[in-house]
Each structure stands twice: as structure tokens, then as C-alpha cells.
Amino acid sequence: MRRRMEAEDAQKDGAVLLEPTEDEVTYSDGTTEKVAGFDIPVPALDEEFDVALIGTKGKWYDHKVKVTSDLKKAE
């Protein structure tokens, strides 16, 4: 059974939270910007999974995420 991470779970003591990385993005016009990035473990391609995100005002939100790959479709 897959473990779901929802907003309610994320707020509990002992919850595993991902820390951001500092990444630099270069845009097509040549400008750059430092942004927060997150390495989210993906349990499987083409299947939805739950992710809880915290907003700028400290409120947690539940999201459904699905990661697909063009490489897989080409095979």
C-alpha cells in the first residue's frame, strides 16, 4: 500500500518534510533568477500521487501530481 502525504499528515510531529534546494534558472532572454527547488520522490510514472504543500501564509494544501515521460511514450 502506498503512503499518502496529505496536509493533515504533514502538520503532525515527526512528519518527513522536504527541504528546498537553491537553484538558478536561466530564462530564454538570458536573465537568471535564484529559486527554491524540491526533489520530490516519484513512486511511479503515469500514476497520480498526493503531495502536501505549504503556502506563503503557512496554510497546507493537498495536491495531486502525475509525472509522465516523453521517452517512455517514444518506446
PDB file of N, CA and C in Angstrom:
ATOM      1  N   MET A   1       0.838  -1.180   0.000  1.00  0.00           N
ATOM      2  CA  MET A   1       0.000   0.000   0.000  1.00  0.00           C
ATOM      3  C   MET A   1       0.882   1.242   0.000  1.00  0.00           C
ATOM      4  N   ARG A   2       0.551   2.211  -0.834  1.00  0.00           N
ATOM      5  CA  ARG A   2       1.317   3.459  -0.894  1.00  0.00           C
ATOM      6  C   ARG A   2       0.959   4.346   0.284  1.00  0.00           C
ATOM      7  N   ARG A   3       1.948   5.079   0.767  1.00  0.00           N
ATOM      8  CA  ARG A   3       1.725   6.051   1.837  1.00  0.00           C
ATOM      9  C   ARG A   3       1.382   7.378   1.215  1.00  0.00           C
ATOM     10  N   ARG A   4       0.259   7.939   1.610  1.00  0.00           N
ATOM     11  CA  ARG A   4      -0.172   9.239   1.091  1.00  0.00           C
ATOM     12  C   ARG A   4       0.279  10.338   2.041  1.00  0.00           C
ATOM     13  N   MET A   5       0.789  11.424   1.497  1.00  0.00           N
ATOM     14  CA  MET A   5       1.160  12.576   2.314  1.00  0.00           C
ATOM     15  C   MET A   5       0.142  13.661   2.023  1.00  0.00           C
ATOM     16  N   GLU A   6      -0.696  13.931   3.001  1.00  0.00           N
ATOM     17  CA  GLU A   6      -1.700  14.970   2.866  1.00  0.00           C
ATOM     18  C   GLU A   6      -1.408  16.073   3.865  1.00  0.00           C
ATOM     19  N   ALA A   7      -2.076  17.195   3.688  1.00  0.00           N
ATOM     20  CA  ALA A   7      -1.837  18.358   4.536  1.00  0.00           C
ATOM     21  C   ALA A   7      -1.960  18.007   6.015  1.00  0.00           C
ATOM     22  N   GLU A   8      -2.946  17.221   6.363  1.00  0.00           N
ATOM     23  CA  GLU A   8      -3.137  16.840   7.766  1.00  0.00           C
ATOM     24  C   GLU A   8      -1.929  16.055   8.288  1.00  0.00           C
ATOM     25  N   ASP A   9      -1.406  15.143   7.467  1.00  0.00           N
ATOM     26  CA  ASP A   9      -0.235  14.349   7.860  1.00  0.00           C
ATOM     27  C   ASP A   9       1.011  15.216   7.986  1.00  0.00           C
ATOM     28  N   ALA A  10       1.176  16.163   7.086  1.00  0.00           N
ATOM     29  CA  ALA A  10       2.376  16.997   7.054  1.00  0.00           C
ATOM     30  C   ALA A  10       2.516  17.856   8.303  1.00  0.00           C
ATOM     31  N   GLN A  11       1.413  18.143   8.960  1.00  0.00           N
ATOM     32  CA  GLN A  11       1.447  19.004  10.132  1.00  0.00           C
ATOM     33  C   GLN A  11       1.720  18.235  11.425  1.00  0.00           C
ATOM     34  N   LYS A  12       1.736  16.915  11.364  1.00  0.00           N
ATOM     35  CA  LYS A  12       1.935  16.104  12.561  1.00  0.00           C
ATOM     36  C   LYS A  12       3.404  16.075  12.975  1.00  0.00           C
ATOM     37  N   ASP A  13       3.639  15.898  14.279  1.00  0.00           N
ATOM     38  CA  ASP A  13       5.008  15.742  14.780  1.00  0.00           C
ATOM     39  C   ASP A  13       5.643  14.528  14.114  1.00  0.00           C
ATOM     40  N   GLY A  14       6.889  14.672  13.708  1.00  0.00           N
ATOM     41  CA  GLY A  14       7.615  13.565  13.099  1.00  0.00           C
ATOM     42  C   GLY A  14       7.405  13.410  11.602  1.00  0.00           C
ATOM     43  N   ALA A  15       6.607  14.273  10.992  1.00  0.00           N
ATOM     44  CA  ALA A  15       6.388  14.190   9.544  1.00  0.00           C
ATOM     45  C   ALA A  15       7.706  14.467   8.817  1.00  0.00           C
ATOM     46  N   VAL A  16       7.937  13.752   7.738  1.00  0.00           N
ATOM     47  CA  VAL A  16       9.142  13.953   6.937  1.00  0.00           C
ATOM     48  C   VAL A  16       8.854  15.070   5.933  1.00  0.00           C
ATOM     49  N   LEU A  17       9.546  16.180   6.088  1.00  0.00           N
ATOM     50  CA  LEU A  17       9.362  17.326   5.210  1.00  0.00           C
ATOM     51  C   LEU A  17      10.590  17.506   4.338  1.00  0.00           C
ATOM     52  N   LEU A  18      10.385  17.881   3.092  1.00  0.00           N
ATOM     53  CA  LEU A  18      11.488  18.107   2.168  1.00  0.00           C
ATOM     54  C   LEU A  18      12.008  19.521   2.326  1.00  0.00           C
ATOM     55  N   GLU A  19      13.312  19.659   2.406  1.00  0.00           N
ATOM     56  CA  GLU A  19      13.934  20.975   2.492  1.00  0.00           C
ATOM     57  C   GLU A  19      14.240  21.465   1.073  1.00  0.00           C
ATOM     58  N   PRO A  20      14.088  22.761   0.829  1.00  0.00           N
ATOM     59  CA  PRO A  20      14.353  23.272  -0.518  1.00  0.00           C
ATOM     60  C   PRO A  20      15.845  23.321  -0.840  1.00  0.00           C
ATOM     61  N   THR A  21      16.121  23.251  -2.120  1.00  0.00           N
ATOM     62  CA  THR A  21      17.473  23.497  -2.624  1.00  0.00           C
ATOM     63  C   THR A  21      17.437  24.871  -3.278  1.00  0.00           C
ATOM     64  N   GLU A  22      18.577  25.520  -3.367  1.00  0.00           N
ATOM     65  CA  GLU A  22      18.626  26.804  -4.061  1.00  0.00           C
ATOM     66  C   GLU A  22      19.133  26.542  -5.469  1.00  0.00           C
ATOM     67  N   ASP A  23      18.302  26.825  -6.443  1.00  0.00           N
ATOM     68  CA  ASP A  23      18.633  26.582  -7.839  1.00  0.00           C
ATOM     69  C   ASP A  23      18.654  27.893  -8.602  1.00  0.00           C
ATOM     70  N   GLU A  24      19.415  27.913  -9.677  1.00  0.00           N
ATOM     71  CA  GLU A  24      19.435  29.099 -10.541  1.00  0.00           C
ATOM     72  C   GLU A  24      18.811  28.724 -11.879  1.00  0.00           C
ATOM     73  N   VAL A  25      17.817  29.511 -12.284  1.00  0.00           N
ATOM     74  CA  VAL A  25      17.112  29.287 -13.546  1.00  0.00           C
ATOM     75  C   VAL A  25      17.585  30.338 -14.540  1.00  0.00           C
ATOM     76  N   THR A  26      17.873  29.909 -15.765  1.00  0.00           N
ATOM     77  CA  THR A  26      18.219  30.838 -16.840  1.00  0.00           C
ATOM     78  C   THR A  26      17.076  30.835 -17.846  1.00  0.00           C
ATOM     79  N   TYR A  27      16.507  31.996 -18.079  1.00  0.00           N
ATOM     80  CA  TYR A  27      15.376  32.136 -18.990  1.00  0.00           C
ATOM     81  C   TYR A  27      15.857  32.352 -20.423  1.00  0.00           C
ATOM     82  N   SER A  28      14.940  32.210 -21.370  1.00  0.00           N
ATOM     83  CA  SER A  28      15.295  32.313 -22.786  1.00  0.00           C
ATOM     84  C   SER A  28      15.851  33.691 -23.154  1.00  0.00           C
ATOM     85  N   ASP A  29      15.519  34.727 -22.381  1.00  0.00           N
ATOM     86  CA  ASP A  29      16.052  36.061 -22.667  1.00  0.00           C
ATOM     87  C   ASP A  29      17.426  36.288 -22.043  1.00  0.00           C
ATOM     88  N   GLY A  30      17.971  35.235 -21.380  1.00  0.00           N
ATOM     89  CA  GLY A  30      19.298  35.332 -20.789  1.00  0.00           C
ATOM     90  C   GLY A  30      19.316  35.749 -19.331  1.00  0.00           C
ATOM     91  N   THR A  31      18.193  36.224 -18.796  1.00  0.00           N
ATOM     92  CA  THR A  31      18.170  36.615 -17.385  1.00  0.00           C
ATOM     93  C   THR A  31      18.165  35.368 -16.507  1.00  0.00           C
ATOM     94  N   THR A  32      18.672  35.525 -15.298  1.00  0.00           N
ATOM     95  CA  THR A  32      18.704  34.412 -14.350  1.00  0.00           C
ATOM     96  C   THR A  32      17.995  34.805 -13.067  1.00  0.00           C
ATOM     97  N   GLU A  33      17.581  33.797 -12.346  1.00  0.00           N
ATOM     98  CA  GLU A  33      16.888  34.029 -11.080  1.00  0.00           C
ATOM     99  C   GLU A  33      17.177  32.843 -10.162  1.00  0.00           C
ATOM    100  N   LYS A  34      17.377  33.126  -8.867  1.00  0.00           N
ATOM    101  CA  LYS A  34      17.532  32.055  -7.882  1.00  0.00           C
ATOM    102  C   LYS A  34      16.138  31.688  -7.371  1.00  0.00           C
ATOM    103  N   VAL A  35      15.854  30.387  -7.358  1.00  0.00           N
ATOM    104  CA  VAL A  35      14.542  29.891  -6.946  1.00  0.00           C
ATOM    105  C   VAL A  35      14.726  28.729  -5.978  1.00  0.00           C
ATOM    106  N   ALA A  36      13.673  28.425  -5.242  1.00  0.00           N
ATOM    107  CA  ALA A  36      13.674  27.255  -4.367  1.00  0.00           C
ATOM    108  C   ALA A  36      13.218  26.054  -5.183  1.00  0.00           C
ATOM    109  N   GLY A  37      13.960  24.968  -5.097  1.00  0.00           N
ATOM    110  CA  GLY A  37      13.597  23.730  -5.783  1.00  0.00           C
ATOM    111  C   GLY A  37      13.398  22.624  -4.768  1.00  0.00           C
ATOM    112  N   PHE A  38      12.671  21.597  -5.164  1.00  0.00           N
ATOM    113  CA  PHE A  38      12.419  20.452  -4.284  1.00  0.00           C
ATOM    114  C   PHE A  38      12.604  19.175  -5.068  1.00  0.00           C
ATOM    115  N   ASP A  39      13.298  18.212  -4.483  1.00  0.00           N
ATOM    116  CA  ASP A  39      13.465  16.887  -5.074  1.00  0.00           C
ATOM    117  C   ASP A  39      12.390  15.990  -4.479  1.00  0.00           C
ATOM    118  N   ILE A  40      11.309  15.795  -5.233  1.00  0.00           N
ATOM    119  CA  ILE A  40      10.176  15.006  -4.756  1.00  0.00           C
ATOM    120  C   ILE A  40      10.301  13.581  -5.288  1.00  0.00           C
ATOM    121  N   PRO A  41      10.307  12.591  -4.398  1.00  0.00           N
ATOM    122  CA  PRO A  41      10.356  11.209  -4.869  1.00  0.00           C
ATOM    123  C   PRO A  41       9.089  10.865  -5.649  1.00  0.00           C
ATOM    124  N   VAL A  42       9.249  10.265  -6.811  1.00  0.00           N
ATOM    125  CA  VAL A  42       8.121   9.884  -7.662  1.00  0.00           C
ATOM    126  C   VAL A  42       7.969   8.368  -7.580  1.00  0.00           C
ATOM    127  N   PRO A  43       6.852   7.877  -7.022  1.00  0.00           N
ATOM    128  CA  PRO A  43       6.698   6.434  -6.853  1.00  0.00           C
ATOM    129  C   PRO A  43       6.591   5.663  -8.163  1.00  0.00           C
ATOM    130  N   ALA A  44       5.973   6.260  -9.187  1.00  0.00           N
ATOM    131  CA  ALA A  44       5.825   5.591 -10.486  1.00  0.00           C
ATOM    132  C   ALA A  44       5.407   6.618 -11.527  1.00  0.00           C
ATOM    133  N   LEU A  45       5.866   6.423 -12.764  1.00  0.00           N
ATOM    134  CA  LEU A  45       5.438   7.305 -13.857  1.00  0.00           C
ATOM    135  C   LEU A  45       3.986   7.019 -14.213  1.00  0.00           C
ATOM    136  N   ASP A  46       3.302   8.047 -14.682  1.00  0.00           N
ATOM    137  CA  ASP A  46       1.926   7.957 -15.188  1.00  0.00           C
ATOM    138  C   ASP A  46       0.899   7.540 -14.135  1.00  0.00           C
ATOM    139  N   GLU A  47       1.210   7.723 -12.858  1.00  0.00           N
ATOM    140  CA  GLU A  47       0.256   7.450 -11.787  1.00  0.00           C
ATOM    141  C   GLU A  47       0.203   8.659 -10.855  1.00  0.00           C
ATOM    142  N   GLU A  48      -1.016   9.083 -10.497  1.00  0.00           N
ATOM    143  CA  GLU A  48      -1.163  10.200  -9.575  1.00  0.00           C
ATOM    144  C   GLU A  48      -0.690   9.813  -8.180  1.00  0.00           C
ATOM    145  N   PHE A  49      -0.119  10.807  -7.477  1.00  0.00           N
ATOM    146  CA  PHE A  49       0.212  10.621  -6.069  1.00  0.00           C
ATOM    147  C   PHE A  49      -0.051  11.930  -5.342  1.00  0.00           C
ATOM    148  N   ASP A  50      -0.183  11.849  -4.029  1.00  0.00           N
ATOM    149  CA  ASP A  50      -0.526  13.006  -3.207  1.00  0.00           C
ATOM    150  C   ASP A  50       0.724  13.716  -2.714  1.00  0.00           C
ATOM    151  N   VAL A  51       0.662  15.044  -2.738  1.00  0.00           N
ATOM    152  CA  VAL A  51       1.729  15.887  -2.205  1.00  0.00           C
ATOM    153  C   VAL A  51       1.065  17.015  -1.415  1.00  0.00           C
ATOM    154  N   ALA A  52       1.578  17.282  -0.234  1.00  0.00           N
ATOM    155  CA  ALA A  52       1.086  18.403   0.565  1.00  0.00           C
ATOM    156  C   ALA A  52       2.094  19.543   0.453  1.00  0.00           C
ATOM    157  N   LEU A  53       1.603  20.734   0.156  1.00  0.00           N
ATOM    158  CA  LEU A  53       2.461  21.919   0.010  1.00  0.00           C
ATOM    159  C   LEU A  53       2.015  22.982   1.002  1.00  0.00           C
ATOM    160  N   ILE A  54       2.994  23.727   1.511  1.00  0.00           N
ATOM    161  CA  ILE A  54       2.647  24.808   2.430  1.00  0.00           C
ATOM    162  C   ILE A  54       2.709  26.128   1.664  1.00  0.00           C
ATOM    163  N   GLY A  55       1.678  26.932   1.845  1.00  0.00           N
ATOM    164  CA  GLY A  55       1.608  28.226   1.168  1.00  0.00           C
ATOM    165  C   GLY A  55       2.410  29.288   1.901  1.00  0.00           C
ATOM    166  N   THR A  56       2.480  30.453   1.303  1.00  0.00           N
ATOM    167  CA  THR A  56       3.286  31.534   1.880  1.00  0.00           C
ATOM    168  C   THR A  56       2.744  32.026   3.219  1.00  0.00           C
ATOM    169  N   LYS A  57       1.467  31.795   3.501  1.00  0.00           N
ATOM    170  CA  LYS A  57       0.883  32.234   4.772  1.00  0.00           C
ATOM    171  C   LYS A  57       0.791  31.116   5.788  1.00  0.00           C
ATOM    172  N   GLY A  58       1.511  29.996   5.528  1.00  0.00           N
ATOM    173  CA  GLY A  58       1.566  28.905   6.490  1.00  0.00           C
ATOM    174  C   GLY A  58       0.419  27.912   6.415  1.00  0.00           C
ATOM    175  N   LYS A  59      -0.442  28.012   5.417  1.00  0.00           N
ATOM    176  CA  LYS A  59      -1.555  27.062   5.272  1.00  0.00           C
ATOM    177  C   LYS A  59      -1.124  25.909   4.364  1.00  0.00           C
ATOM    178  N   TRP A  60      -1.485  24.685   4.758  1.00  0.00           N
ATOM    179  CA  TRP A  60      -1.170  23.493   3.970  1.00  0.00           C
ATOM    180  C   TRP A  60      -2.255  23.236   2.939  1.00  0.00           C
ATOM    181  N   TYR A  61      -1.841  22.774   1.750  1.00  0.00           N
ATOM    182  CA  TYR A  61      -2.759  22.458   0.663  1.00  0.00           C
ATOM    183  C   TYR A  61      -2.440  21.076   0.113  1.00  0.00           C
ATOM    184  N   ASP A  62      -3.479  20.305  -0.188  1.00  0.00           N
ATOM    185  CA  ASP A  62      -3.316  18.994  -0.813  1.00  0.00           C
ATOM    186  C   ASP A  62      -3.293  19.153  -2.331  1.00  0.00           C
ATOM    187  N   HIS A  63      -2.407  18.417  -2.980  1.00  0.00           N
ATOM    188  CA  HIS A  63      -2.309  18.434  -4.447  1.00  0.00           C
ATOM    189  C   HIS A  63      -2.168  17.011  -4.960  1.00  0.00           C
ATOM    190  N   LYS A  64      -2.673  16.774  -6.147  1.00  0.00           N
ATOM    191  CA  LYS A  64      -2.454  15.527  -6.873  1.00  0.00           C
ATOM    192  C   LYS A  64      -1.404  15.823  -7.936  1.00  0.00           C
ATOM    193  N   VAL A  65      -0.390  14.954  -8.048  1.00  0.00           N
ATOM    194  CA  VAL A  65       0.692  15.147  -9.007  1.00  0.00           C
ATOM    195  C   VAL A  65       0.804  13.888  -9.861  1.00  0.00           C
ATOM    196  N   LYS A  66       1.070  14.086 -11.147  1.00  0.00           N
ATOM    197  CA  LYS A  66       1.287  12.958 -12.059  1.00  0.00           C
ATOM    198  C   LYS A  66       2.486  13.311 -12.926  1.00  0.00           C
ATOM    199  N   VAL A  67       3.485  12.456 -12.938  1.00  0.00           N
ATOM    200  CA  VAL A  67       4.696  12.691 -13.722  1.00  0.00           C
ATOM    201  C   VAL A  67       4.672  11.738 -14.912  1.00  0.00           C
ATOM    202  N   THR A  68       4.873  12.311 -16.094  1.00  0.00           N
ATOM    203  CA  THR A  68       4.911  11.496 -17.303  1.00  0.00           C
ATOM    204  C   THR A  68       6.269  11.679 -17.980  1.00  0.00           C
ATOM    205  N   SER A  69       6.586  10.803 -18.896  1.00  0.00           N
ATOM    206  CA  SER A  69       7.850  10.888 -19.620  1.00  0.00           C
ATOM    207  C   SER A  69       7.615  10.713 -21.110  1.00  0.00           C
ATOM    208  N   ASP A  70       8.107  11.660 -21.902  1.00  0.00           N
ATOM    209  CA  ASP A  70       8.025  11.531 -23.349  1.00  0.00           C
ATOM    210  C   ASP A  70       8.885  10.366 -23.844  1.00  0.00           C
ATOM    211  N   LEU A  71       9.968  10.055 -23.130  1.00  0.00           N
ATOM    212  CA  LEU A  71      10.832   8.954 -23.513  1.00  0.00           C
ATOM    213  C   LEU A  71      10.079   7.628 -23.453  1.00  0.00           C
ATOM    214  N   LYS A  72       9.281   7.452 -22.426  1.00  0.00           N
ATOM    215  CA  LYS A  72       8.534   6.215 -22.280  1.00  0.00           C
ATOM    216  C   LYS A  72       7.535   6.050 -23.429  1.00  0.00           C
ATOM    217  N   LYS A  73       6.896   7.157 -23.832  1.00  0.00           N
ATOM    218  CA  LYS A  73       5.910   7.118 -24.912  1.00  0.00           C
ATOM    219  C   LYS A  73       6.572   6.801 -26.259  1.00  0.00           C
ATOM    220  N   ALA A  74       7.817   7.227 -26.439  1.00  0.00           N
ATOM    221  CA  ALA A  74       8.522   7.020 -27.707  1.00  0.00           C
ATOM    222  C   ALA A  74       8.908   5.553 -27.914  1.00  0.00           C
ATOM    223  N   GLU A  75       9.082   4.814 -26.817  1.00  0.00           N
ATOM    224  CA  GLU A  75       9.485   3.412 -26.919  1.00  0.00           C
ATOM    225  C   GLU A  75       8.359   2.606 -27.378  1.00  0.00           C
TER     226      GLU A  75
END
